[in-house]
C-alpha atoms as a PDB file:
ATOM      1  CA  MET A   1     149.841 132.556 202.989  1.00  0.00           C
ATOM      2  CA  ARG A   2     151.105 135.806 201.798  1.00  0.00           C
ATOM      3  CA  ASN A   3     148.846 138.544 200.648  1.00  0.00           C
ATOM      4  CA  PRO A   4     149.065 139.004 196.804  1.00  0.00           C
ATOM      5  CA  ARG A   5     149.075 142.696 197.170  1.00  0.00           C
ATOM      6  CA  GLN A   6     152.056 142.519 199.387  1.00  0.00           C
ATOM      7  CA  ARG A   7     153.640 140.149 196.900  1.00  0.00           C
ATOM      8  CA  VAL A   8     153.055 142.673 194.068  1.00  0.00           C
ATOM      9  CA  SER A   9     154.487 145.557 196.008  1.00  0.00           C
ATOM     10  CA  HIS A  10     157.810 143.907 196.166  1.00  0.00           C
ATOM     11  CA  ARG A  11     157.910 143.419 192.426  1.00  0.00           C
ATOM     12  CA  ARG A  12     159.898 145.550 190.303  1.00  0.00           C
ATOM     13  CA  PRO A  13     158.343 148.714 188.998  1.00  0.00           C
ATOM     14  CA  GLY A  14     159.003 147.954 185.414  1.00  0.00           C
ATOM     15  CA  ASN A  15     156.844 144.820 185.344  1.00  0.00           C
ATOM     16  CA  ASN A  16     153.514 146.250 186.839  1.00  0.00           C
ATOM     17  CA  GLY A  17     151.547 146.488 183.611  1.00  0.00           C
ATOM     18  CA  VAL A  18     152.440 143.003 182.555  1.00  0.00           C
ATOM     19  CA  GLN A  19     151.602 141.654 185.888  1.00  0.00           C
ATOM     20  CA  TRP A  20     148.248 143.352 185.907  1.00  0.00           C
ATOM     21  CA  LEU A  21     147.323 141.949 182.566  1.00  0.00           C
ATOM     22  CA  SER A  22     148.274 138.540 183.686  1.00  0.00           C
ATOM     23  CA  PHE A  23     146.199 138.914 186.735  1.00  0.00           C
ATOM     24  CA  SER A  24     143.220 140.102 184.759  1.00  0.00           C
ATOM     25  CA  ASP A  25     143.602 137.286 182.388  1.00  0.00           C
ATOM     26  CA  LEU A  26     143.829 135.004 185.250  1.00  0.00           C
ATOM     27  CA  MET A  27     140.760 136.446 186.847  1.00  0.00           C
ATOM     28  CA  SER A  28     138.918 136.279 183.561  1.00  0.00           C
ATOM     29  CA  ALA A  29     139.978 132.757 183.140  1.00  0.00           C
ATOM     30  CA  LEU A  30     138.874 132.022 186.601  1.00  0.00           C
ATOM     31  CA  LEU A  31     135.595 133.790 186.051  1.00  0.00           C
ATOM     32  CA  LEU A  32     135.144 131.918 182.838  1.00  0.00           C
ATOM     33  CA  ILE A  33     135.936 128.715 184.548  1.00  0.00           C
ATOM     34  CA  PHE A  34     133.528 129.619 187.299  1.00  0.00           C
ATOM     35  CA  ILE A  35     130.864 130.470 184.761  1.00  0.00           C
ATOM     36  CA  LEU A  36     131.530 127.222 182.963  1.00  0.00           C
ATOM     37  CA  ILE A  37     131.382 125.444 186.197  1.00  0.00           C
ATOM     38  CA  MET A  38     128.171 127.217 187.013  1.00  0.00           C
ATOM     39  CA  PHE A  39     126.777 126.368 183.594  1.00  0.00           C
ATOM     40  CA  TYR A  40     127.862 122.789 184.050  1.00  0.00           C
ATOM     41  CA  ILE A  41     126.400 122.761 187.472  1.00  0.00           C
ATOM     42  CA  MET A  42     123.198 124.281 186.150  1.00  0.00           C
ATOM     43  CA  TYR A  43     123.158 121.779 183.289  1.00  0.00           C
ATOM     44  CA  GLN A  44     123.772 118.983 185.646  1.00  0.00           C
ATOM     45  CA  TYR A  45     121.097 120.363 187.909  1.00  0.00           C
ATOM     46  CA  PHE A  46     118.492 120.626 185.189  1.00  0.00           C
ATOM     47  CA  ASP A  47     119.538 117.310 183.755  1.00  0.00           C
ATOM     48  CA  MET A  48     119.303 115.764 187.165  1.00  0.00           C
ATOM     49  CA  TYR A  49     116.051 117.635 187.654  1.00  0.00           C
ATOM     50  CA  GLU A  50     114.562 116.179 184.491  1.00  0.00           C
ATOM     51  CA  ILE A  51     115.877 112.812 185.408  1.00  0.00           C
ATOM     52  CA  ASN A  52     114.503 113.233 188.857  1.00  0.00           C
ATOM     53  CA  MET A  53     111.190 114.511 187.531  1.00  0.00           C
ATOM     54  CA  ALA A  54     111.005 111.565 185.142  1.00  0.00           C
ATOM     55  CA  GLU A  55     111.914 109.276 187.964  1.00  0.00           C
ATOM     56  CA  ILE A  56     109.394 111.056 190.167  1.00  0.00           C
ATOM     57  CA  ALA A  57     106.798 110.743 187.407  1.00  0.00           C
ATOM     58  CA  ARG A  58     107.642 107.059 186.981  1.00  0.00           C
ATOM     59  CA  GLN A  59     107.569 106.561 190.712  1.00  0.00           C
ATOM     60  CA  GLN A  60     104.285 108.511 190.850  1.00  0.00           C
ATOM     61  CA  TYR A  61     102.911 106.172 188.169  1.00  0.00           C
ATOM     62  CA  ASP A  62     104.224 103.206 190.045  1.00  0.00           C
ATOM     63  CA  LEU A  63     102.739 104.706 193.182  1.00  0.00           C
ATOM     64  CA  ASP A  64      99.419 105.246 191.425  1.00  0.00           C
ATOM     65  CA  GLN A  65      99.532 101.667 190.158  1.00  0.00           C
ATOM     66  CA  ALA A  66     100.497 100.533 193.580  1.00  0.00           C
ATOM     67  CA  ASN A  67      97.665 102.610 195.085  1.00  0.00           C
ATOM     68  CA  ALA A  68      95.223 101.207 192.505  1.00  0.00           C
ATOM     69  CA  SER A  69      96.452  97.719 193.221  1.00  0.00           C
ATOM     70  CA  LEU A  70      96.280  98.536 196.902  1.00  0.00           C
ATOM     71  CA  ASP A  71      92.712  99.824 196.491  1.00  0.00           C
ATOM     72  CA  GLU A  72      91.811  96.700 194.549  1.00  0.00           C
ATOM     73  CA  GLN A  73      93.463  94.603 197.185  1.00  0.00           C
ATOM     74  CA  ARG A  74      91.674  96.631 199.843  1.00  0.00           C
ATOM     75  CA  ALA A  75      88.377  96.041 198.018  1.00  0.00           C
ATOM     76  CA  LYS A  76      89.205  92.372 197.756  1.00  0.00           C
ATOM     77  CA  LEU A  77      90.325  92.454 201.363  1.00  0.00           C
ATOM     78  CA  SER A  78      87.076  94.192 202.340  1.00  0.00           C
ATOM     79  CA  GLU A  79      85.093  91.541 200.428  1.00  0.00           C
ATOM     80  CA  SER A  80      87.243  88.854 201.968  1.00  0.00           C
ATOM     81  CA  GLU A  81      86.725  90.442 205.369  1.00  0.00           C
ATOM     82  CA  THR A  82      82.949  90.466 204.713  1.00  0.00           C
ATOM     83  CA  GLN A  83      83.094  86.833 203.651  1.00  0.00           C
ATOM     84  CA  LEU A  84      85.357  86.129 206.584  1.00  0.00           C
ATOM     85  CA  ILE A  85      82.899  87.844 208.929  1.00  0.00           C
ATOM     86  CA  ALA A  86      80.035  85.866 207.379  1.00  0.00           C
ATOM     87  CA  GLN A  87      82.071  82.699 207.667  1.00  0.00           C
ATOM     88  CA  GLN A  88      82.936  83.692 211.209  1.00  0.00           C
ATOM     89  CA  ILE A  89      79.228  84.155 211.948  1.00  0.00           C
ATOM     90  CA  ARG A  90      78.442  80.814 210.333  1.00  0.00           C
ATOM     91  CA  LEU A  91      81.350  79.291 212.186  1.00  0.00           C
ATOM     92  CA  GLU A  92      80.092  80.699 215.467  1.00  0.00           C
ATOM     93  CA  ALA A  93      76.585  79.417 214.683  1.00  0.00           C
ATOM     94  CA  ALA A  94      78.073  76.056 213.740  1.00  0.00           C
ATOM     95  CA  GLN A  95      80.123  76.148 216.911  1.00  0.00           C
ATOM     96  CA  ARG A  96      76.995  76.856 218.942  1.00  0.00           C
ATOM     97  CA  GLY A  97      75.229  74.045 217.101  1.00  0.00           C
ATOM     98  CA  LEU A  98      78.225  71.829 217.757  1.00  0.00           C
ATOM     99  CA  ASP A  99      78.185  72.825 221.412  1.00  0.00           C
ATOM    100  CA  ASP A 100      74.458  72.061 221.572  1.00  0.00           C
ATOM    101  CA  ALA A 101      75.037  68.796 219.734  1.00  0.00           C
ATOM    102  CA  GLN A 102      77.885  67.953 222.102  1.00  0.00           C
ATOM    103  CA  SER A 103      75.634  68.789 225.034  1.00  0.00           C
ATOM    104  CA  ILE A 104      72.865  66.620 223.593  1.00  0.00           C
ATOM    105  CA  LEU A 105      75.422  63.940 222.792  1.00  0.00           C
ATOM    106  CA  ALA A 106      76.730  64.092 226.335  1.00  0.00           C
ATOM    107  CA  SER A 107      73.154  63.841 227.644  1.00  0.00           C
ATOM    108  CA  GLN A 108      72.428  60.979 225.280  1.00  0.00           C
ATOM    109  CA  GLN A 109      75.702  59.367 226.251  1.00  0.00           C
ATOM    110  CA  GLU A 110      74.674  59.596 229.872  1.00  0.00           C
ATOM    111  CA  GLU A 111      71.253  58.179 229.051  1.00  0.00           C
ATOM    112  CA  LEU A 112      72.946  55.497 226.971  1.00  0.00           C
ATOM    113  CA  SER A 113      75.171  54.649 229.901  1.00  0.00           C
ATOM    114  CA  LYS A 114      72.105  54.391 232.123  1.00  0.00           C
ATOM    115  CA  ALA A 115      70.337  52.337 229.470  1.00  0.00           C
ATOM    116  CA  GLN A 116      73.397  50.123 229.132  1.00  0.00           C
ATOM    117  CA  SER A 117      73.436  49.696 232.871  1.00  0.00           C
ATOM    118  CA  LEU A 118      69.754  48.789 232.838  1.00  0.00           C
ATOM    119  CA  LEU A 119      70.397  46.495 229.889  1.00  0.00           C
ATOM    120  CA  ASP A 120      73.165  44.771 231.784  1.00  0.00           C
ATOM    121  CA  GLU A 121      70.829  44.350 234.742  1.00  0.00           C
ATOM    122  CA  LYS A 122      68.102  43.049 232.447  1.00  0.00           C
ATOM    123  CA  GLU A 123      70.548  40.683 230.793  1.00  0.00           C
ATOM    124  CA  ASN A 124      71.554  39.417 234.206  1.00  0.00           C
ATOM    125  CA  GLU A 125      67.888  39.044 235.120  1.00  0.00           C
ATOM    126  CA  ILE A 126      67.226  37.313 231.793  1.00  0.00           C
ATOM    127  CA  ALA A 127      70.160  35.023 232.373  1.00  0.00           C
ATOM    128  CA  ALA A 128      68.834  34.198 235.834  1.00  0.00           C
ATOM    129  CA  GLN A 129      65.336  33.757 234.436  1.00  0.00           C
ATOM    130  CA  LYS A 130      66.740  31.561 231.669  1.00  0.00           C
ATOM    131  CA  GLU A 131      68.369  29.387 234.277  1.00  0.00           C
ATOM    132  CA  GLN A 132      65.060  29.252 236.114  1.00  0.00           C
ATOM    133  CA  LEU A 133      63.309  28.584 232.809  1.00  0.00           C
ATOM    134  CA  ASP A 134      65.704  25.762 232.038  1.00  0.00           C
ATOM    135  CA  ALA A 135      65.046  24.339 235.465  1.00  0.00           C
ATOM    136  CA  LEU A 136      61.314  24.826 234.956  1.00  0.00           C
ATOM    137  CA  SER A 137      61.602  23.211 231.528  1.00  0.00           C
ATOM    138  CA  VAL A 138      63.151  20.174 233.137  1.00  0.00           C
ATOM    139  CA  GLN A 139      60.413  20.203 235.771  1.00  0.00           C
ATOM    140  CA  LEU A 140      57.839  20.760 233.039  1.00  0.00           C
ATOM    141  CA  GLY A 141      59.203  17.793 231.144  1.00  0.00           C
ATOM    142  CA  ASP A 142      58.875  15.678 234.260  1.00  0.00           C
ATOM    143  CA  GLN A 143      55.424  17.099 234.930  1.00  0.00           C
ATOM    144  CA  GLN A 144      54.486  16.524 231.297  1.00  0.00           C
ATOM    145  CA  SER A 145      55.438  12.894 231.657  1.00  0.00           C
ATOM    146  CA  GLN A 146      53.440  12.724 234.859  1.00  0.00           C
ATOM    147  CA  ILE A 147      50.539  14.498 233.159  1.00  0.00           C
ATOM    148  CA  GLU A 148      50.646  12.021 230.294  1.00  0.00           C
ATOM    149  CA  LEU A 149      50.592   9.169 232.764  1.00  0.00           C
ATOM    150  CA  GLN A 150      47.797  10.871 234.699  1.00  0.00           C
ATOM    151  CA  GLN A 151      45.966  11.485 231.433  1.00  0.00           C
ATOM    152  CA  GLN A 152      46.137   7.807 230.658  1.00  0.00           C
ATOM    153  CA  VAL A 153      44.788   7.089 234.130  1.00  0.00           C
ATOM    154  CA  LEU A 154      42.086   9.723 233.615  1.00  0.00           C
ATOM    155  CA  ASP A 155      41.188   8.237 230.243  1.00  0.00           C
ATOM    156  CA  ASP A 156      40.896   4.824 231.838  1.00  0.00           C
ATOM    157  CA  GLN A 157      38.847   6.274 234.672  1.00  0.00           C
ATOM    158  CA  GLN A 158      36.721   8.219 232.190  1.00  0.00           C
ATOM    159  CA  ARG A 159      36.004   5.029 230.334  1.00  0.00           C
ATOM    160  CA  GLN A 160      35.093   3.389 233.627  1.00  0.00           C
ATOM    161  CA  ILE A 161      32.770   6.284 234.530  1.00  0.00           C
ATOM    162  CA  GLU A 162      31.207   6.208 231.069  1.00  0.00           C
ATOM    163  CA  GLN A 163      30.823   2.479 231.461  1.00  0.00           C
ATOM    164  CA  LEU A 164      29.106   2.951 234.835  1.00  0.00           C
ATOM    165  CA  VAL A 165      26.892   5.792 233.621  1.00  0.00           C
ATOM    166  CA  GLY A 166      25.936   3.932 230.460  1.00  0.00           C
ATOM    167  CA  MET A 167      25.352   0.593 232.181  1.00  0.00           C
ATOM    168  CA  ARG A 168      21.546   0.553 231.941  1.00  0.00           C
ATOM    169  CA  PRO A 169      21.440   1.558 228.249  1.00  0.00           C
ATOM    170  CA  ARG A 170      23.966  -1.180 227.448  1.00  0.00           C
ATOM    171  CA  ILE A 171      21.946  -3.774 229.389  1.00  0.00           C
ATOM    172  CA  ILE A 172      18.777  -2.661 227.579  1.00  0.00           C
ATOM    173  CA  SER A 173      20.526  -2.890 224.223  1.00  0.00           C
ATOM    174  CA  SER A 174      21.916  -6.341 225.060  1.00  0.00           C
ATOM    175  CA  LEU A 175      18.471  -7.581 226.191  1.00  0.00           C
ATOM    176  CA  SER A 176      16.838  -6.340 222.990  1.00  0.00           C
ATOM    177  CA  ASP A 177      19.496  -8.002 220.829  1.00  0.00           C
ATOM    178  CA  ALA A 178      19.305 -11.262 222.782  1.00  0.00           C
ATOM    179  CA  LEU A 179      15.486 -11.486 222.645  1.00  0.00           C
ATOM    180  CA  ARG A 180      15.468 -10.614 218.963  1.00  0.00           C
ATOM    181  CA  SER A 181      18.123 -13.255 218.265  1.00  0.00           C
ATOM    182  CA  ALA A 182      16.068 -15.835 220.192  1.00  0.00           C
ATOM    183  CA  ASN A 183      12.946 -14.820 218.241  1.00  0.00           C
ATOM    184  CA  ILE A 184      11.057 -14.018 221.419  1.00  0.00           C
ATOM    185  CA  SER A 185       8.271 -11.458 220.952  1.00  0.00           C
ATOM    186  CA  ALA A 186       8.843  -9.305 224.027  1.00  0.00           C
ATOM    187  CA  GLN A 187       9.356  -5.523 223.972  1.00  0.00           C
ATOM    188  CA  VAL A 188      12.097  -3.979 226.142  1.00  0.00           C
ATOM    189  CA  ASP A 189      11.256  -0.527 227.473  1.00  0.00           C
ATOM    190  CA  PRO A 190      14.049   1.706 226.055  1.00  0.00           C
ATOM    191  CA  ALA A 191      14.045   3.928 229.149  1.00  0.00           C
ATOM    192  CA  THR A 192      13.816   1.451 232.048  1.00  0.00           C
ATOM    193  CA  GLY A 193      14.635  -1.928 230.520  1.00  0.00           C
ATOM    194  CA  SER A 194      11.429  -3.463 231.861  1.00  0.00           C
ATOM    195  CA  ILE A 195       9.803  -6.249 229.787  1.00  0.00           C
ATOM    196  CA  ALA A 196       6.014  -6.683 229.851  1.00  0.00           C
ATOM    197  CA  LEU A 197       4.666 -10.214 229.164  1.00  0.00           C
ATOM    198  CA  GLU A 198       1.004 -10.416 228.235  1.00  0.00           C
ATOM    199  CA  SER A 199      -0.998 -12.048 231.017  1.00  0.00           C
ATOM    200  CA  ASP A 200      -3.177 -13.919 228.518  1.00  0.00           C
ATOM    201  CA  VAL A 201      -0.076 -15.756 227.339  1.00  0.00           C
ATOM    202  CA  LEU A 202       0.810 -16.902 230.872  1.00  0.00           C
ATOM    203  CA  PHE A 203      -2.572 -17.353 232.609  1.00  0.00           C
ATOM    204  CA  GLU A 204      -6.167 -18.200 231.893  1.00  0.00           C
ATOM    205  CA  LEU A 205      -8.592 -15.341 232.436  1.00  0.00           C
ATOM    206  CA  GLY A 206      -9.133 -14.774 236.178  1.00  0.00           C
ATOM    207  CA  ARG A 207      -6.658 -17.504 237.211  1.00  0.00           C
ATOM    208  CA  TYR A 208      -3.193 -17.232 238.800  1.00  0.00           C
ATOM    209  CA  ASP A 209      -1.639 -20.644 238.018  1.00  0.00           C
ATOM    210  CA  LEU A 210       0.648 -20.773 234.995  1.00  0.00           C
ATOM    211  CA  SER A 211      -0.797 -22.417 231.946  1.00  0.00           C
ATOM    212  CA  GLU A 212       1.202 -24.918 229.889  1.00  0.00           C
ATOM    213  CA  ARG A 213       1.539 -22.244 227.265  1.00  0.00           C
ATOM    214  CA  GLY A 214       2.788 -19.840 229.918  1.00  0.00           C
ATOM    215  CA  GLU A 215       5.330 -22.337 231.276  1.00  0.00           C
ATOM    216  CA  ALA A 216       6.627 -22.913 227.762  1.00  0.00           C
ATOM    217  CA  PHE A 217       7.024 -19.178 227.200  1.00  0.00           C
ATOM    218  CA  ILE A 218       8.847 -18.739 230.535  1.00  0.00           C
ATOM    219  CA  ASP A 219      11.144 -21.636 229.611  1.00  0.00           C
ATOM    220  CA  ARG A 220      12.124 -19.790 226.434  1.00  0.00           C
ATOM    221  CA  PHE A 221      12.248 -16.271 227.881  1.00  0.00           C
ATOM    222  CA  LEU A 222      13.948 -16.614 231.265  1.00  0.00           C
ATOM    223  CA  PRO A 223      17.264 -18.245 230.180  1.00  0.00           C
ATOM    224  CA  VAL A 224      17.793 -15.500 227.559  1.00  0.00           C
ATOM    225  CA  TYR A 225      16.899 -12.831 230.115  1.00  0.00           C
ATOM    226  CA  LEU A 226      19.234 -14.179 232.802  1.00  0.00           C
ATOM    227  CA  ASP A 227      22.083 -14.890 230.371  1.00  0.00           C
ATOM    228  CA  VAL A 228      22.238 -11.135 229.817  1.00  0.00           C
ATOM    229  CA  LEU A 229      21.699  -9.900 233.366  1.00  0.00           C
ATOM    230  CA  PHE A 230      23.920 -12.550 234.982  1.00  0.00           C
ATOM    231  CA  SER A 231      26.729 -12.216 232.464  1.00  0.00           C
ATOM    232  CA  ASP A 232      30.203 -11.350 233.757  1.00  0.00           C
ATOM    233  CA  GLU A 233      29.813  -7.829 232.335  1.00  0.00           C
ATOM    234  CA  TYR A 234      26.480  -6.948 233.998  1.00  0.00           C
ATOM    235  CA  SER A 235      26.004  -9.280 236.966  1.00  0.00           C
ATOM    236  CA  PRO A 236      28.084  -7.175 239.427  1.00  0.00           C
ATOM    237  CA  TYR A 237      25.769  -4.214 238.813  1.00  0.00           C
ATOM    238  CA  VAL A 238      22.390  -5.994 239.056  1.00  0.00           C
ATOM    239  CA  SER A 239      20.989  -5.645 242.580  1.00  0.00           C
ATOM    240  CA  GLU A 240      17.392  -6.795 242.111  1.00  0.00           C
ATOM    241  CA  ILE A 241      15.088  -8.507 239.609  1.00  0.00           C
ATOM    242  CA  ILE A 242      11.433  -7.693 240.183  1.00  0.00           C
ATOM    243  CA  VAL A 243       8.491  -9.731 238.924  1.00  0.00           C
ATOM    244  CA  GLU A 244       5.403  -7.494 238.948  1.00  0.00           C
ATOM    245  CA  GLY A 245       1.817  -8.589 238.390  1.00  0.00           C
ATOM    246  CA  HIS A 246      -0.712  -6.127 236.939  1.00  0.00           C
ATOM    247  CA  THR A 247      -4.472  -6.388 236.268  1.00  0.00           C
ATOM    248  CA  ASP A 248      -7.149  -4.359 234.517  1.00  0.00           C
ATOM    249  CA  SER A 249      -9.741  -2.391 236.464  1.00  0.00           C
ATOM    250  CA  THR A 250     -12.423  -5.079 236.281  1.00  0.00           C
ATOM    251  CA  GLY A 251     -13.462  -5.935 239.852  1.00  0.00           C
ATOM    252  CA  GLY A 252     -12.291  -4.491 243.141  1.00  0.00           C
ATOM    253  CA  TYR A 253      -8.820  -3.184 243.899  1.00  0.00           C
ATOM    254  CA  LEU A 254      -8.070  -5.693 246.684  1.00  0.00           C
ATOM    255  CA  ASP A 255      -9.259  -8.653 244.644  1.00  0.00           C
ATOM    256  CA  ASN A 256      -7.056  -7.510 241.779  1.00  0.00           C
ATOM    257  CA  LEU A 257      -4.198  -6.867 244.233  1.00  0.00           C
ATOM    258  CA  GLU A 258      -4.401 -10.457 245.440  1.00  0.00           C
ATOM    259  CA  LEU A 259      -4.667 -11.757 241.876  1.00  0.00           C
ATOM    260  CA  SER A 260      -1.672  -9.700 240.715  1.00  0.00           C
ATOM    261  CA  GLN A 261       0.425 -10.849 243.677  1.00  0.00           C
ATOM    262  CA  ARG A 262      -0.464 -14.503 243.121  1.00  0.00           C
ATOM    263  CA  ARG A 263       0.432 -14.288 239.442  1.00  0.00           C
ATOM    264  CA  ALA A 264       3.804 -12.665 240.207  1.00  0.00           C
ATOM    265  CA  PHE A 265       4.459 -15.272 242.912  1.00  0.00           C
ATOM    266  CA  ALA A 266       3.465 -18.109 240.541  1.00  0.00           C
ATOM    267  CA  VAL A 267       6.057 -17.035 237.983  1.00  0.00           C
ATOM    268  CA  ALA A 268       8.801 -16.669 240.642  1.00  0.00           C
ATOM    269  CA  ALA A 269       7.900 -20.006 242.295  1.00  0.00           C
ATOM    270  CA  TYR A 270       7.926 -21.823 238.953  1.00  0.00           C
ATOM    271  CA  VAL A 271      11.496 -20.820 238.115  1.00  0.00           C
ATOM    272  CA  LEU A 272      12.862 -21.177 241.663  1.00  0.00           C
ATOM    273  CA  GLU A 273      11.512 -24.633 242.547  1.00  0.00           C
ATOM    274  CA  ASP A 274      14.154 -27.294 242.942  1.00  0.00           C
ATOM    275  CA  GLY A 275      12.995 -29.398 240.021  1.00  0.00           C
ATOM    276  CA  TYR A 276      13.118 -26.546 237.478  1.00  0.00           C
ATOM    277  CA  ARG A 277      15.824 -27.126 234.864  1.00  0.00           C
ATOM    278  CA  GLY A 278      15.303 -24.194 232.546  1.00  0.00           C
ATOM    279  CA  ILE A 279      18.271 -22.335 234.087  1.00  0.00           C
ATOM    280  CA  SER A 280      21.553 -23.443 235.646  1.00  0.00           C
ATOM    281  CA  ASP A 281      21.937 -23.988 239.364  1.00  0.00           C
ATOM    282  CA  SER A 282      24.265 -20.982 239.635  1.00  0.00           C
ATOM    283  CA  GLN A 283      21.730 -18.785 237.885  1.00  0.00           C
ATOM    284  CA  LYS A 284      18.971 -20.128 240.127  1.00  0.00           C
ATOM    285  CA  GLN A 285      21.037 -19.371 243.223  1.00  0.00           C
ATOM    286  CA  ARG A 286      21.869 -15.897 241.961  1.00  0.00           C
ATOM    287  CA  LEU A 287      18.173 -15.352 241.120  1.00  0.00           C
ATOM    288  CA  ARG A 288      17.147 -16.330 244.618  1.00  0.00           C
ATOM    289  CA  ASP A 289      19.493 -13.639 245.951  1.00  0.00           C
ATOM    290  CA  VAL A 290      18.000 -10.823 243.903  1.00  0.00           C
ATOM    291  CA  VAL A 291      14.415 -11.720 242.873  1.00  0.00           C
ATOM    292  CA  THR A 292      11.245 -10.241 244.404  1.00  0.00           C
ATOM    293  CA  ALA A 293       7.581 -10.714 243.418  1.00  0.00           C
ATOM    294  CA  ASN A 294       5.051  -7.883 243.777  1.00  0.00           C
ATOM    295  CA  GLY A 295       1.457  -7.272 242.879  1.00  0.00           C
ATOM    296  CA  ARG A 296       0.290  -3.848 241.721  1.00  0.00           C
ATOM    297  CA  SER A 297      -3.452  -4.506 241.154  1.00  0.00           C
ATOM    298  CA  TYR A 298      -4.646  -1.966 238.569  1.00  0.00           C
ATOM    299  CA  SER A 299      -2.542   0.938 239.930  1.00  0.00           C
ATOM    300  CA  ASP A 300      -0.510   1.085 236.716  1.00  0.00           C
ATOM    301  CA  ARG A 301      -2.980   0.577 233.909  1.00  0.00           C
ATOM    302  CA  VAL A 302      -2.242   1.049 230.200  1.00  0.00           C
ATOM    303  CA  PHE A 303      -4.250   3.538 228.128  1.00  0.00           C
ATOM    304  CA  ASP A 304      -4.596   3.971 224.416  1.00  0.00           C
ATOM    305  CA  GLU A 305      -4.103   7.182 222.480  1.00  0.00           C
ATOM    306  CA  TYR A 306      -7.635   8.283 223.238  1.00  0.00           C
ATOM    307  CA  GLY A 307      -7.274   7.893 226.988  1.00  0.00           C
ATOM    308  CA  ASN A 308      -9.276   4.671 227.199  1.00  0.00           C
ATOM    309  CA  GLU A 309      -7.993   1.753 229.258  1.00  0.00           C
ATOM    310  CA  ASP A 310      -6.435  -1.024 227.209  1.00  0.00           C
ATOM    311  CA  MET A 311      -7.690  -4.063 229.140  1.00  0.00           C
ATOM    312  CA  ASP A 312      -5.450  -6.617 227.426  1.00  0.00           C
ATOM    313  CA  ALA A 313      -2.320  -4.497 227.815  1.00  0.00           C
ATOM    314  CA  SER A 314      -3.119  -3.706 231.456  1.00  0.00           C
ATOM    315  CA  ARG A 315      -3.186  -7.438 232.283  1.00  0.00           C
ATOM    316  CA  ARG A 316       0.508  -8.256 232.253  1.00  0.00           C
ATOM    317  CA  VAL A 317       3.513  -9.612 234.153  1.00  0.00           C
ATOM    318  CA  VAL A 318       6.524  -7.283 234.071  1.00  0.00           C
ATOM    319  CA  PHE A 319      10.187  -8.237 234.571  1.00  0.00           C
ATOM    320  CA  LYS A 320      12.258  -5.326 235.896  1.00  0.00           C
ATOM    321  CA  PHE A 321      15.826  -5.020 237.091  1.00  0.00           C
ATOM    322  CA  ARG A 322      17.517  -2.584 239.403  1.00  0.00           C
ATOM    323  CA  LEU A 323      21.169  -1.731 239.390  1.00  0.00           C
ATOM    324  CA  THR A 324      23.446  -1.437 242.379  1.00  0.00           C
ATOM    325  CA  ASP A 325      23.275   2.363 242.320  1.00  0.00           C
ATOM    326  CA  GLU A 326      25.000   2.663 245.668  1.00  0.00           C
ATOM    327  CA  GLN A 327      27.844   0.432 244.542  1.00  0.00           C
ATOM    328  CA  MET A 328      28.180   2.339 241.252  1.00  0.00           C
ATOM    329  CA  ILE A 329      28.180   5.631 243.137  1.00  0.00           C
ATOM    330  CA  GLN A 330      30.907   4.337 245.451  1.00  0.00           C
ATOM    331  CA  GLN A 331      32.991   3.274 242.436  1.00  0.00           C
ATOM    332  CA  MET A 332      32.592   6.662 240.747  1.00  0.00           C
ATOM    333  CA  LYS A 333      33.428   8.368 244.039  1.00  0.00           C
ATOM    334  CA  ALA A 334      36.571   6.265 244.338  1.00  0.00           C
ATOM    335  CA  ILE A 335      37.528   7.178 240.743  1.00  0.00           C
ATOM    336  CA  LEU A 336      36.988  10.888 241.404  1.00  0.00           C
ATOM    337  CA  GLU A 337      38.975  10.713 244.627  1.00  0.00           C
ATOM    338  CA  ALA A 338      41.765   8.988 242.744  1.00  0.00           C
ATOM    339  CA  ASN A 339      41.656  11.841 240.209  1.00  0.00           C
ATOM    340  CA  ASP A 340      41.976  14.385 243.003  1.00  0.00           C
END
């Protein structure tokens, strides 16, 4: 570019003033333009500044709002964090409780497994015991049947024992009923079964031969007596029939002993002689097998309630019977052995 001064120096001398004015005008115009530009720039600057300040103010407001919202959110966040911490603490406590519960559950599960194992063993034992029980039930049923049969046998044997034990009372009862039915005035001793016949009915005073009245009484008494003792029910148990003579204490003992023996013998001889028909031959033969005659003198006298001797009652002939105690004992022993 060429220097303007150099360009001016080559101009013609006559045009210098005009050129200078033009240059000044130009410079003024330029200055004015510059000033305008500067004013425009300044206007734009201040306008932009106001805009920027307004924008800055708006942004500051937005920032303040944002900060307030942020503070609120921080407060909420702090509260949430506090709640979260509390929840975390509760969660940790719950977790510890859960861990403890799981530990207890595991322990209980182990115990349950052991218990289940024991239960299985017990069930197996129960099953085995049930099988044994079923077998025992079958055996018990068989044994029950056997027991019932044995009970029947025992009942029968009990009745037999009761029959043996109660033999004498039954004989006594039968004798009393038979004598009462025959209207024979003779008392049966309820304890022994002995029957005392008054001597005055059978003999004259001091004599030992049967009177007609005595023979008649024996004819009525003896068949009734033997029908009971020699019956099919009682005969197997009767081992002895004893005819005893008794006297009062008048006179000496030996004289009374002889008298009592003769009277007992007279009664026995009367019913056992071949011509006697008051009893059957079978009864007579059975009587011969079991009868004995004894004299007791006055060794067994009768006394009244005041302790005085009853002379009439002491003079008597007594019929007694004995049972086959040994045979009855053997039968009861056999029954008991059968029970065993």
